C-alpha atoms as a PDB file:
ATOM      1  CA  MET A   1     -54.157  -5.050  61.992  1.00  0.00           C
ATOM      2  CA  GLY A   2     -50.340  -4.970  62.171  1.00  0.00           C
ATOM      3  CA  MET A   3     -50.005  -8.467  60.739  1.00  0.00           C
ATOM      4  CA  PRO A   4     -51.975  -7.825  57.478  1.00  0.00           C
ATOM      5  CA  MET A   5     -50.068  -4.560  56.969  1.00  0.00           C
ATOM      6  CA  ARG A   6     -46.754  -6.345  57.493  1.00  0.00           C
ATOM      7  CA  MET A   7     -47.721  -9.147  55.114  1.00  0.00           C
ATOM      8  CA  ARG A   8     -48.896  -6.713  52.466  1.00  0.00           C
ATOM      9  CA  ASN A   9     -45.706  -4.657  52.618  1.00  0.00           C
ATOM     10  CA  SER A  10     -43.643  -7.853  52.592  1.00  0.00           C
ATOM     11  CA  LEU A  11     -45.389  -8.952  49.394  1.00  0.00           C
ATOM     12  CA  VAL A  12     -44.859  -5.532  47.819  1.00  0.00           C
ATOM     13  CA  LEU A  13     -41.192  -5.661  48.808  1.00  0.00           C
ATOM     14  CA  GLY A  14     -40.925  -9.141  47.306  1.00  0.00           C
ATOM     15  CA  TRP A  15     -42.444  -7.865  44.058  1.00  0.00           C
ATOM     16  CA  TRP A  16     -39.974  -4.969  43.832  1.00  0.00           C
ATOM     17  CA  LEU A  17     -37.070  -7.288  44.587  1.00  0.00           C
ATOM     18  CA  PHE A  18     -38.311  -9.666  41.873  1.00  0.00           C
ATOM     19  CA  LEU A  19     -38.369  -6.816  39.353  1.00  0.00           C
ATOM     20  CA  PHE A  20     -34.889  -5.791  40.456  1.00  0.00           C
ATOM     21  CA  THR A  21     -33.697  -9.369  39.983  1.00  0.00           C
ATOM     22  CA  CYS A  22     -35.075  -9.285  36.427  1.00  0.00           C
ATOM     23  CA  LEU A  23     -33.038  -6.114  35.848  1.00  0.00           C
ATOM     24  CA  GLN A  24     -29.923  -7.912  37.105  1.00  0.00           C
ATOM     25  CA  LEU A  25     -30.599 -10.843  34.784  1.00  0.00           C
ATOM     26  CA  SER A  26     -31.027  -8.441  31.868  1.00  0.00           C
ATOM     27  CA  THR A  27     -27.604  -6.995  32.742  1.00  0.00           C
ATOM     28  CA  LEU A  28     -26.157 -10.508  32.469  1.00  0.00           C
ATOM     29  CA  VAL A  29     -27.781 -10.977  29.047  1.00  0.00           C
ATOM     30  CA  LEU A  30     -26.579  -7.567  27.852  1.00  0.00           C
ATOM     31  CA  ASP A  31     -23.014  -8.428  28.881  1.00  0.00           C
ATOM     32  CA  ARG A  32     -23.123 -11.422  26.570  1.00  0.00           C
ATOM     33  CA  SER A  33     -24.530  -9.205  23.793  1.00  0.00           C
ATOM     34  CA  HIS A  34     -22.028  -6.393  24.266  1.00  0.00           C
ATOM     35  CA  HIS A  35     -20.667  -7.052  20.768  1.00  0.00           C
ATOM     36  CA  LEU A  36     -24.015  -5.937  19.332  1.00  0.00           C
ATOM     37  CA  GLU A  37     -25.227  -2.350  19.136  1.00  0.00           C
ATOM     38  CA  TRP A  38     -28.397  -2.930  21.149  1.00  0.00           C
ATOM     39  CA  GLY A  39     -26.383  -4.683  23.857  1.00  0.00           C
ATOM     40  CA  ARG A  40     -24.110  -1.677  24.387  1.00  0.00           C
ATOM     41  CA  LEU A  41     -27.111   0.657  24.343  1.00  0.00           C
ATOM     42  CA  GLY A  42     -28.864  -1.444  26.991  1.00  0.00           C
ATOM     43  CA  ILE A  43     -25.812  -1.367  29.269  1.00  0.00           C
ATOM     44  CA  HIS A  44     -25.610   2.426  28.927  1.00  0.00           C
ATOM     45  CA  LEU A  45     -29.299   2.779  29.798  1.00  0.00           C
ATOM     46  CA  ILE A  46     -28.976   0.614  32.902  1.00  0.00           C
ATOM     47  CA  LYS A  47     -25.926   2.533  34.153  1.00  0.00           C
ATOM     48  CA  THR A  48     -27.784   5.793  33.517  1.00  0.00           C
ATOM     49  CA  GLY A  49     -30.748   4.460  35.485  1.00  0.00           C
ATOM     50  CA  TYR A  50     -28.542   3.619  38.472  1.00  0.00           C
ATOM     51  CA  LEU A  51     -27.042   7.118  38.452  1.00  0.00           C
ATOM     52  CA  ALA A  52     -30.451   8.814  38.123  1.00  0.00           C
ATOM     53  CA  PHE A  53     -31.903   6.712  40.957  1.00  0.00           C
ATOM     54  CA  ALA A  54     -28.947   7.468  43.235  1.00  0.00           C
ATOM     55  CA  CYS A  55     -29.143  11.221  42.560  1.00  0.00           C
ATOM     56  CA  VAL A  56     -32.901  11.370  43.130  1.00  0.00           C
ATOM     57  CA  LEU A  57     -32.563   9.383  46.347  1.00  0.00           C
ATOM     58  CA  PHE A  58     -29.787  11.600  47.699  1.00  0.00           C
ATOM     59  CA  ILE A  59     -31.511  14.880  46.767  1.00  0.00           C
ATOM     60  CA  ARG A  60     -34.769  13.629  48.242  1.00  0.00           C
ATOM     61  CA  TYR A  61     -33.017  12.698  51.483  1.00  0.00           C
ATOM     62  CA  LEU A  62     -31.413  16.130  51.760  1.00  0.00           C
ATOM     63  CA  SER A  63     -34.672  17.964  51.062  1.00  0.00           C
ATOM     64  CA  PHE A  64     -36.769  15.811  53.383  1.00  0.00           C
ATOM     65  CA  ARG A  65     -35.946  16.780  56.973  1.00  0.00           C
ATOM     66  CA  SER A  66     -37.613  13.762  58.534  1.00  0.00           C
ATOM     67  CA  GLN A  67     -34.676  12.900  60.766  1.00  0.00           C
ATOM     68  CA  ARG A  68     -34.574  16.325  62.384  1.00  0.00           C
ATOM     69  CA  ASN A  69     -38.338  16.256  62.905  1.00  0.00           C
ATOM     70  CA  PHE A  70     -38.078  12.755  64.351  1.00  0.00           C
ATOM     71  CA  GLU A  71     -35.429  13.799  66.899  1.00  0.00           C
ATOM     72  CA  SER A  72     -37.427  16.849  67.969  1.00  0.00           C
ATOM     73  CA  LEU A  73     -40.538  14.697  68.432  1.00  0.00           C
ATOM     74  CA  VAL A  74     -38.553  12.219  70.525  1.00  0.00           C
ATOM     75  CA  GLU A  75     -37.330  15.008  72.802  1.00  0.00           C
ATOM     76  CA  SER A  76     -40.872  16.333  73.153  1.00  0.00           C
ATOM     77  CA  TYR A  77     -42.155  12.879  73.997  1.00  0.00           C
ATOM     78  CA  ASN A  78     -39.465  12.430  76.654  1.00  0.00           C
ATOM     79  CA  ARG A  79     -40.354  15.738  78.291  1.00  0.00           C
ATOM     80  CA  VAL A  80     -44.101  15.149  78.248  1.00  0.00           C
ATOM     81  CA  ALA A  81     -44.219  11.442  79.118  1.00  0.00           C
ATOM     82  CA  LYS A  82     -41.085  11.508  81.318  1.00  0.00           C
ATOM     83  CA  LYS A  83     -40.067   8.224  79.766  1.00  0.00           C
ATOM     84  CA  VAL A  84     -36.651   7.084  78.634  1.00  0.00           C
ATOM     85  CA  PHE A  85     -36.602   6.627  74.851  1.00  0.00           C
ATOM     86  CA  GLU A  86     -33.638   4.979  73.120  1.00  0.00           C
ATOM     87  CA  THR A  87     -32.212   7.486  70.676  1.00  0.00           C
ATOM     88  CA  GLY A  88     -28.869   5.821  69.950  1.00  0.00           C
ATOM     89  CA  LYS A  89     -30.164   4.168  66.809  1.00  0.00           C
ATOM     90  CA  ALA A  90     -31.706   7.387  65.588  1.00  0.00           C
ATOM     91  CA  ARG A  91     -28.381   9.202  66.010  1.00  0.00           C
ATOM     92  CA  LYS A  92     -26.667   6.400  64.126  1.00  0.00           C
ATOM     93  CA  ASP A  93     -29.151   6.551  61.247  1.00  0.00           C
ATOM     94  CA  SER A  94     -28.752  10.334  61.096  1.00  0.00           C
ATOM     95  CA  TRP A  95     -25.282   9.922  59.555  1.00  0.00           C
ATOM     96  CA  VAL A  96     -25.297   6.328  58.239  1.00  0.00           C
ATOM     97  CA  ASN A  97     -28.173   6.744  55.789  1.00  0.00           C
ATOM     98  CA  PRO A  98     -27.009   9.971  54.083  1.00  0.00           C
ATOM     99  CA  PHE A  99     -23.481   8.563  53.995  1.00  0.00           C
ATOM    100  CA  LEU A 100     -24.657   5.381  52.225  1.00  0.00           C
ATOM    101  CA  ASN A 101     -26.768   7.461  49.856  1.00  0.00           C
ATOM    102  CA  LEU A 102     -23.708   9.550  49.034  1.00  0.00           C
ATOM    103  CA  VAL A 103     -21.672   6.363  48.496  1.00  0.00           C
ATOM    104  CA  LEU A 104     -24.386   5.149  46.114  1.00  0.00           C
ATOM    105  CA  VAL A 105     -24.150   8.395  44.119  1.00  0.00           C
ATOM    106  CA  VAL A 106     -20.351   8.175  43.910  1.00  0.00           C
ATOM    107  CA  LEU A 107     -20.324   4.504  42.882  1.00  0.00           C
ATOM    108  CA  ALA A 108     -23.086   5.020  40.304  1.00  0.00           C
ATOM    109  CA  SER A 109     -21.177   7.981  38.839  1.00  0.00           C
ATOM    110  CA  ILE A 110     -17.976   5.940  38.546  1.00  0.00           C
ATOM    111  CA  ASP A 111     -19.889   2.990  37.085  1.00  0.00           C
ATOM    112  CA  PHE A 112     -21.534   5.250  34.506  1.00  0.00           C
ATOM    113  CA  THR A 113     -18.193   6.797  33.535  1.00  0.00           C
ATOM    114  CA  LEU A 114     -16.418   3.451  33.155  1.00  0.00           C
ATOM    115  CA  VAL A 115     -18.773   2.367  30.382  1.00  0.00           C
ATOM    116  CA  PHE A 116     -17.090   4.859  28.040  1.00  0.00           C
ATOM    117  CA  GLN A 117     -13.605   3.429  28.796  1.00  0.00           C
ATOM    118  CA  TRP A 118     -14.231  -0.189  27.852  1.00  0.00           C
ATOM    119  CA  ASN A 119     -11.534  -2.785  28.458  1.00  0.00           C
ATOM    120  CA  GLU A 120     -11.190  -5.985  30.443  1.00  0.00           C
ATOM    121  CA  ALA A 121      -9.970  -4.334  33.669  1.00  0.00           C
ATOM    122  CA  VAL A 122     -12.744  -1.736  33.469  1.00  0.00           C
ATOM    123  CA  PHE A 123     -15.349  -4.433  32.913  1.00  0.00           C
ATOM    124  CA  LYS A 124     -14.164  -6.393  35.963  1.00  0.00           C
ATOM    125  CA  THR A 125     -14.304  -3.207  38.044  1.00  0.00           C
ATOM    126  CA  SER A 126     -17.793  -2.482  36.728  1.00  0.00           C
ATOM    127  CA  VAL A 127     -18.996  -5.941  37.762  1.00  0.00           C
ATOM    128  CA  TRP A 128     -17.918  -5.328  41.365  1.00  0.00           C
ATOM    129  CA  LEU A 129     -19.369  -1.812  41.350  1.00  0.00           C
ATOM    130  CA  ASP A 130     -22.695  -3.174  40.098  1.00  0.00           C
ATOM    131  CA  LEU A 131     -22.709  -5.749  42.893  1.00  0.00           C
ATOM    132  CA  ILE A 132     -22.126  -3.080  45.557  1.00  0.00           C
ATOM    133  CA  ILE A 133     -24.778  -0.846  43.980  1.00  0.00           C
ATOM    134  CA  TRP A 134     -27.224  -3.770  43.989  1.00  0.00           C
ATOM    135  CA  ALA A 135     -26.490  -4.408  47.679  1.00  0.00           C
ATOM    136  CA  LEU A 136     -27.137  -0.737  48.570  1.00  0.00           C
ATOM    137  CA  ILE A 137     -30.378  -0.677  46.573  1.00  0.00           C
ATOM    138  CA  ILE A 138     -31.564  -3.910  48.198  1.00  0.00           C
ATOM    139  CA  ARG A 139     -30.778  -2.454  51.635  1.00  0.00           C
ATOM    140  CA  TRP A 140     -32.702   0.696  50.770  1.00  0.00           C
ATOM    141  CA  LEU A 141     -35.735  -1.257  49.560  1.00  0.00           C
ATOM    142  CA  GLY A 142     -35.812  -3.509  52.633  1.00  0.00           C
ATOM    143  CA  ARG A 143     -35.395  -0.629  55.068  1.00  0.00           C
ATOM    144  CA  THR A 144     -37.968   1.534  53.266  1.00  0.00           C
ATOM    145  CA  PHE A 145     -40.740  -1.059  53.428  1.00  0.00           C
ATOM    146  CA  TRP A 146     -39.892  -1.922  57.029  1.00  0.00           C
ATOM    147  CA  LEU A 147     -40.171   1.759  58.008  1.00  0.00           C
ATOM    148  CA  LYS A 148     -43.370   2.002  56.001  1.00  0.00           C
ATOM    149  CA  THR A 149     -44.802  -0.865  58.022  1.00  0.00           C
ATOM    150  CA  LYS A 150     -43.552   0.539  61.276  1.00  0.00           C
ATOM    151  CA  GLY A 151     -45.063   3.921  60.527  1.00  0.00           C
ATOM    152  CA  THR A 152     -42.615   5.737  62.804  1.00  0.00           C
ATOM    153  CA  ARG A 153     -43.820   9.262  62.273  1.00  0.00           C
ATOM    154  CA  GLU A 154     -47.537   8.457  62.388  1.00  0.00           C
ATOM    155  CA  ARG A 155     -47.192   6.285  65.492  1.00  0.00           C
ATOM    156  CA  LEU A 156     -45.061   8.873  67.249  1.00  0.00           C
ATOM    157  CA  LYS A 157     -47.638  11.530  66.467  1.00  0.00           C
ATOM    158  CA  GLU A 158     -50.301   9.329  68.074  1.00  0.00           C
ATOM    159  CA  VAL A 159     -48.087   8.951  71.157  1.00  0.00           C
ATOM    160  CA  LEU A 160     -47.659  12.729  71.466  1.00  0.00           C
ATOM    161  CA  ASP A 161     -51.382  13.357  71.092  1.00  0.00           C
ATOM    162  CA  ASP A 162     -52.113  10.700  73.686  1.00  0.00           C
ATOM    163  CA  ALA A 163     -49.497  12.140  76.051  1.00  0.00           C
ATOM    164  CA  ARG A 164     -50.976  15.626  75.760  1.00  0.00           C
ATOM    165  CA  SER A 165     -54.451  14.280  76.503  1.00  0.00           C
ATOM    166  CA  ARG A 166     -53.131  12.449  79.569  1.00  0.00           C
ATOM    167  CA  MET A 167     -51.577  15.669  80.884  1.00  0.00           C
ATOM    168  CA  ARG A 168     -55.002  17.256  80.757  1.00  0.00           C
ATOM    169  CA  ASP A 169     -56.431  14.273  82.639  1.00  0.00           C
ATOM    170  CA  PRO A 170     -53.893  13.193  85.349  1.00  0.00           C
ATOM    171  CA  ALA A 171     -56.118  10.385  86.613  1.00  0.00           C
ATOM    172  CA  SER A 172     -55.792   8.393  83.417  1.00  0.00           C
ATOM    173  CA  GLU A 173     -53.377   5.471  83.263  1.00  0.00           C
ATOM    174  CA  PRO A 174     -50.502   5.545  80.730  1.00  0.00           C
ATOM    175  CA  GLN A 175     -51.079   3.052  77.959  1.00  0.00           C
ATOM    176  CA  GLU A 176     -48.724   1.357  75.533  1.00  0.00           C
ATOM    177  CA  VAL A 177     -49.396   2.696  72.065  1.00  0.00           C
ATOM    178  CA  GLU A 178     -46.585   1.567  69.799  1.00  0.00           C
ATOM    179  CA  LYS A 179     -46.039  -2.103  69.071  1.00  0.00           C
ATOM    180  CA  ALA A 180     -42.764  -3.495  67.846  1.00  0.00           C
ATOM    181  CA  ILE A 181     -42.700  -4.430  64.166  1.00  0.00           C
ATOM    182  CA  SER A 182     -40.474  -7.394  63.383  1.00  0.00           C
ATOM    183  CA  LYS A 183     -37.756  -6.932  60.790  1.00  0.00           C
ATOM    184  CA  THR A 184     -37.570 -10.651  60.097  1.00  0.00           C
ATOM    185  CA  PRO A 185     -39.622 -10.915  56.839  1.00  0.00           C
ATOM    186  CA  PHE A 186     -37.973  -7.839  55.360  1.00  0.00           C
ATOM    187  CA  THR A 187     -34.507  -9.035  56.355  1.00  0.00           C
ATOM    188  CA  VAL A 188     -35.100 -12.513  54.932  1.00  0.00           C
ATOM    189  CA  LEU A 189     -36.366 -11.125  51.607  1.00  0.00           C
ATOM    190  CA  SER A 190     -33.411  -8.741  51.393  1.00  0.00           C
ATOM    191  CA  LEU A 191     -30.890 -11.491  52.149  1.00  0.00           C
ATOM    192  CA  VAL A 192     -32.426 -13.811  49.556  1.00  0.00           C
ATOM    193  CA  SER A 193     -32.320 -11.037  46.968  1.00  0.00           C
ATOM    194  CA  LEU A 194     -28.722 -10.233  47.922  1.00  0.00           C
ATOM    195  CA  ALA A 195     -27.761 -13.908  47.509  1.00  0.00           C
ATOM    196  CA  ILE A 196     -29.314 -13.950  44.013  1.00  0.00           C
ATOM    197  CA  ALA A 197     -27.557 -10.695  43.139  1.00  0.00           C
ATOM    198  CA  SER A 198     -24.245 -12.132  44.323  1.00  0.00           C
ATOM    199  CA  GLY A 199     -24.774 -15.233  42.206  1.00  0.00           C
ATOM    200  CA  ILE A 200     -25.497 -13.122  39.125  1.00  0.00           C
ATOM    201  CA  GLY A 201     -22.462 -10.948  39.890  1.00  0.00           C
ATOM    202  CA  PHE A 202     -20.125 -13.943  40.113  1.00  0.00           C
ATOM    203  CA  GLN A 203     -21.610 -15.363  36.914  1.00  0.00           C
ATOM    204  CA  ARG A 204     -20.884 -12.068  35.172  1.00  0.00           C
ATOM    205  CA  TRP A 205     -17.353 -12.185  36.523  1.00  0.00           C
ATOM    206  CA  ASP A 206     -16.948 -15.708  35.181  1.00  0.00           C
ATOM    207  CA  GLY A 207     -17.995 -14.529  31.705  1.00  0.00           C
ATOM    208  CA  VAL A 208     -15.554 -11.618  31.478  1.00  0.00           C
ATOM    209  CA  ARG A 209     -13.076 -13.501  29.316  1.00  0.00           C
ATOM    210  CA  ASN A 210     -15.828 -14.624  26.952  1.00  0.00           C
ATOM    211  CA  VAL A 211     -17.079 -11.050  26.493  1.00  0.00           C
ATOM    212  CA  PHE A 212     -13.653  -9.776  25.521  1.00  0.00           C
ATOM    213  CA  ARG A 213     -12.900 -12.791  23.347  1.00  0.00           C
ATOM    214  CA  ILE A 214     -15.830 -11.696  21.186  1.00  0.00           C
ATOM    215  CA  ASP A 215     -14.682  -8.060  21.329  1.00  0.00           C
ATOM    216  CA  ASP A 216     -11.268  -9.197  20.058  1.00  0.00           C
ATOM    217  CA  LEU A 217     -13.038 -10.975  17.200  1.00  0.00           C
ATOM    218  CA  LYS A 218     -14.874  -7.742  16.376  1.00  0.00           C
ATOM    219  CA  ALA A 219     -11.590  -5.825  16.161  1.00  0.00           C
ATOM    220  CA  CYS A 220     -10.152  -8.550  13.935  1.00  0.00           C
ATOM    221  CA  MET A 221     -13.198  -8.469  11.651  1.00  0.00           C
ATOM    222  CA  GLU A 222     -13.038  -4.688  11.290  1.00  0.00           C
ATOM    223  CA  GLY A 223      -9.378  -4.878  10.239  1.00  0.00           C
ATOM    224  CA  CYS A 224     -10.096  -7.708   7.806  1.00  0.00           C
ATOM    225  CA  MET A 225     -13.054  -5.826   6.336  1.00  0.00           C
ATOM    226  CA  ARG A 226     -10.960  -2.759   5.573  1.00  0.00           C
ATOM    227  CA  LYS A 227      -8.242  -4.773   3.836  1.00  0.00           C
ATOM    228  CA  ALA A 228     -10.686  -7.042   2.003  1.00  0.00           C
ATOM    229  CA  SER A 229     -12.643  -4.043   0.713  1.00  0.00           C
ATOM    230  CA  VAL A 230      -9.463  -2.518  -0.707  1.00  0.00           C
ATOM    231  CA  ARG A 231      -8.520  -5.824  -2.377  1.00  0.00           C
ATOM    232  CA  PHE A 232     -12.005  -6.213  -3.860  1.00  0.00           C
ATOM    233  CA  TYR A 233     -12.335  -2.704  -5.302  1.00  0.00           C
ATOM    234  CA  ARG A 234      -8.755  -2.633  -6.599  1.00  0.00           C
ATOM    235  CA  HIS A 235      -8.228  -6.198  -7.777  1.00  0.00           C
ATOM    236  CA  GLY A 236     -11.699  -7.717  -7.772  1.00  0.00           C
ATOM    237  CA  GLU A 237     -10.719 -10.444  -5.251  1.00  0.00           C
ATOM    238  CA  LEU A 238     -13.487 -11.504  -2.895  1.00  0.00           C
ATOM    239  CA  GLN A 239     -11.374 -13.138  -0.220  1.00  0.00           C
ATOM    240  CA  ILE A 240      -9.538 -12.442   3.019  1.00  0.00           C
ATOM    241  CA  ASP A 241      -5.774 -12.003   3.011  1.00  0.00           C
ATOM    242  CA  VAL A 242      -5.008 -14.563   5.721  1.00  0.00           C
ATOM    243  CA  THR A 243      -1.261 -13.936   5.693  1.00  0.00           C
ATOM    244  CA  GLY A 244      -1.795 -10.200   6.172  1.00  0.00           C
ATOM    245  CA  ASN A 245      -4.139 -10.697   9.124  1.00  0.00           C
ATOM    246  CA  PRO A 246      -2.451 -12.580  11.970  1.00  0.00           C
ATOM    247  CA  CYS A 247      -5.665 -12.464  14.009  1.00  0.00           C
ATOM    248  CA  VAL A 248      -7.296 -14.765  11.445  1.00  0.00           C
ATOM    249  CA  LEU A 249      -4.522 -17.316  11.831  1.00  0.00           C
ATOM    250  CA  GLU A 250      -4.848 -17.143  15.626  1.00  0.00           C
ATOM    251  CA  ARG A 251      -8.493 -18.189  15.351  1.00  0.00           C
ATOM    252  CA  LYS A 252      -7.982 -20.890  12.746  1.00  0.00           C
ATOM    253  CA  GLY A 253     -10.005 -23.955  13.666  1.00  0.00           C
ATOM    254  CA  LYS A 254     -12.158 -21.896  16.031  1.00  0.00           C
ATOM    255  CA  VAL A 255     -13.779 -19.325  13.741  1.00  0.00           C
ATOM    256  CA  ASN A 256     -14.230 -19.498   9.971  1.00  0.00           C
ATOM    257  CA  MET A 257     -14.236 -16.131   8.190  1.00  0.00           C
ATOM    258  CA  ALA A 258     -15.455 -15.496   4.666  1.00  0.00           C
ATOM    259  CA  MET A 259     -16.436 -12.557   2.457  1.00  0.00           C
ATOM    260  CA  GLU A 260     -19.790 -12.563   0.688  1.00  0.00           C
ATOM    261  CA  PHE A 261     -22.286 -10.388  -1.146  1.00  0.00           C
ATOM    262  CA  HIS A 262     -25.636  -9.451   0.346  1.00  0.00           C
ATOM    263  CA  GLU A 263     -28.051  -7.206  -1.571  1.00  0.00           C
ATOM    264  CA  GLY A 264     -25.160  -5.743  -3.532  1.00  0.00           C
ATOM    265  CA  ASP A 265     -22.975  -4.968  -0.515  1.00  0.00           C
ATOM    266  CA  LEU A 266     -19.940  -6.702   0.918  1.00  0.00           C
ATOM    267  CA  ARG A 267     -20.314  -8.588   4.169  1.00  0.00           C
ATOM    268  CA  LEU A 268     -17.830 -10.392   6.357  1.00  0.00           C
ATOM    269  CA  ARG A 269     -19.131 -13.472   8.122  1.00  0.00           C
ATOM    270  CA  ALA A 270     -17.343 -15.156  11.052  1.00  0.00           C
ATOM    271  CA  MET A 271     -18.862 -18.470  12.156  1.00  0.00           C
ATOM    272  CA  GLU A 272     -17.877 -20.957  14.819  1.00  0.00           C
ATOM    273  CA  SER A 273     -16.344 -24.171  13.555  1.00  0.00           C
ATOM    274  CA  ASP A 274     -18.164 -27.420  14.240  1.00  0.00           C
ATOM    275  CA  THR A 275     -15.821 -28.214  17.133  1.00  0.00           C
ATOM    276  CA  SER A 276     -15.676 -24.735  18.683  1.00  0.00           C
ATOM    277  CA  ASP A 277     -17.842 -22.855  21.176  1.00  0.00           C
ATOM    278  CA  TYR A 278     -16.173 -19.495  20.640  1.00  0.00           C
ATOM    279  CA  PHE A 279     -19.213 -17.465  21.727  1.00  0.00           C
ATOM    280  CA  GLY A 280     -19.584 -19.392  24.984  1.00  0.00           C
ATOM    281  CA  ASN A 281     -23.249 -20.411  24.783  1.00  0.00           C
ATOM    282  CA  GLU A 282     -22.408 -24.091  25.442  1.00  0.00           C
ATOM    283  CA  LYS A 283     -23.302 -25.054  21.857  1.00  0.00           C
ATOM    284  CA  ARG A 284     -20.703 -25.736  19.192  1.00  0.00           C
ATOM    285  CA  GLY A 285     -20.816 -24.406  15.659  1.00  0.00           C
ATOM    286  CA  ASP A 286     -24.140 -22.604  16.012  1.00  0.00           C
ATOM    287  CA  GLU A 287     -23.334 -18.900  16.302  1.00  0.00           C
ATOM    288  CA  GLY A 288     -21.420 -16.195  14.496  1.00  0.00           C
ATOM    289  CA  LEU A 289     -21.061 -12.509  13.666  1.00  0.00           C
ATOM    290  CA  VAL A 290     -21.744 -10.628  10.458  1.00  0.00           C
ATOM    291  CA  LEU A 291     -20.150  -7.254   9.669  1.00  0.00           C
ATOM    292  CA  ASP A 292     -21.976  -5.310   6.967  1.00  0.00           C
ATOM    293  CA  ALA A 293     -20.760  -2.508   4.724  1.00  0.00           C
ATOM    294  CA  THR A 294     -22.045   0.175   7.119  1.00  0.00           C
ATOM    295  CA  GLY A 295     -19.808  -1.117   9.930  1.00  0.00           C
ATOM    296  CA  ARG A 296     -22.606  -2.673  11.984  1.00  0.00           C
ATOM    297  CA  PHE A 297     -22.442  -6.108  13.552  1.00  0.00           C
ATOM    298  CA  HIS A 298     -25.304  -8.602  13.508  1.00  0.00           C
ATOM    299  CA  LYS A 299     -25.770 -11.932  15.212  1.00  0.00           C
ATOM    300  CA  ALA A 300     -25.857 -14.900  12.842  1.00  0.00           C
ATOM    301  CA  LEU A 301     -26.776 -18.557  13.158  1.00  0.00           C
ATOM    302  CA  SER A 302     -25.020 -21.330  11.293  1.00  0.00           C
ATOM    303  CA  PRO A 303     -27.150 -22.682   8.392  1.00  0.00           C
ATOM    304  CA  GLY A 304     -26.116 -26.203   9.406  1.00  0.00           C
ATOM    305  CA  PHE A 305     -27.305 -25.629  12.949  1.00  0.00           C
ATOM    306  CA  GLN A 306     -30.618 -24.200  11.724  1.00  0.00           C
ATOM    307  CA  SER A 307     -31.253 -27.281   9.570  1.00  0.00           C
ATOM    308  CA  LYS A 308     -30.508 -29.564  12.523  1.00  0.00           C
ATOM    309  CA  ALA A 309     -32.939 -27.624  14.705  1.00  0.00           C
ATOM    310  CA  GLN A 310     -35.652 -27.939  12.078  1.00  0.00           C
END
């Protein structure tokens, strides 16, 4: 009966870890879409979710006095059964688990706060914080399903009931009630998930420069849009003042910028050149940004690239 229960909980743990891996992958995608409004919103939602999960976990641990009940049951069992029971690990867990839960709350709070102070150093710090948060969540998931399989409180209650019944009947022989539950499947699943999380974390770290290269382009486009709008409404010139915008000259040959009309409004389009992979998607001349009159950015595909794909 222990084996099916262990297999079932292992499969459930694997499913939760798979969902968590999908969340990590979505974080990687949102990093690459940080220059878009929905990308920033998604990052904020994920950071908020980490903080909410950490707070709920910590409050639940403080309100649930399972550890104190467990220690009192162990002492009762030792007195009734007159058997040595190893309590060292229980004493260790009594401070390690709330401490790690508190660390999770602190790290999630810092991670949530950093989103509002966006720069390259903050983003690098956030990547490492996310990786530590992922490791703590993976540890919590693995330990939770292992304890669920072990059924510590229910099994200990059975031992106490059996011990009391044996005291009423001294002639009965003491019997082994609790069987050891192996941690191996839960540990293996947790380590595999941690390895995937580490890989995603290092991939995010590797893309830091690309994220802020696009953010620099956004700042350049906003400055160009302000100046081009003034030139258009004052002098009727639908073009970018290249000499007055050094950022445009810095990206010459990498990104082509041009003003255009769309449904009666001005738009600024910045497209990769045919020899440039400015947006870092390993394809040259296929992607770009469009800044509309309301100040919103939209992803754009090169017309030439679309015709090639067709």
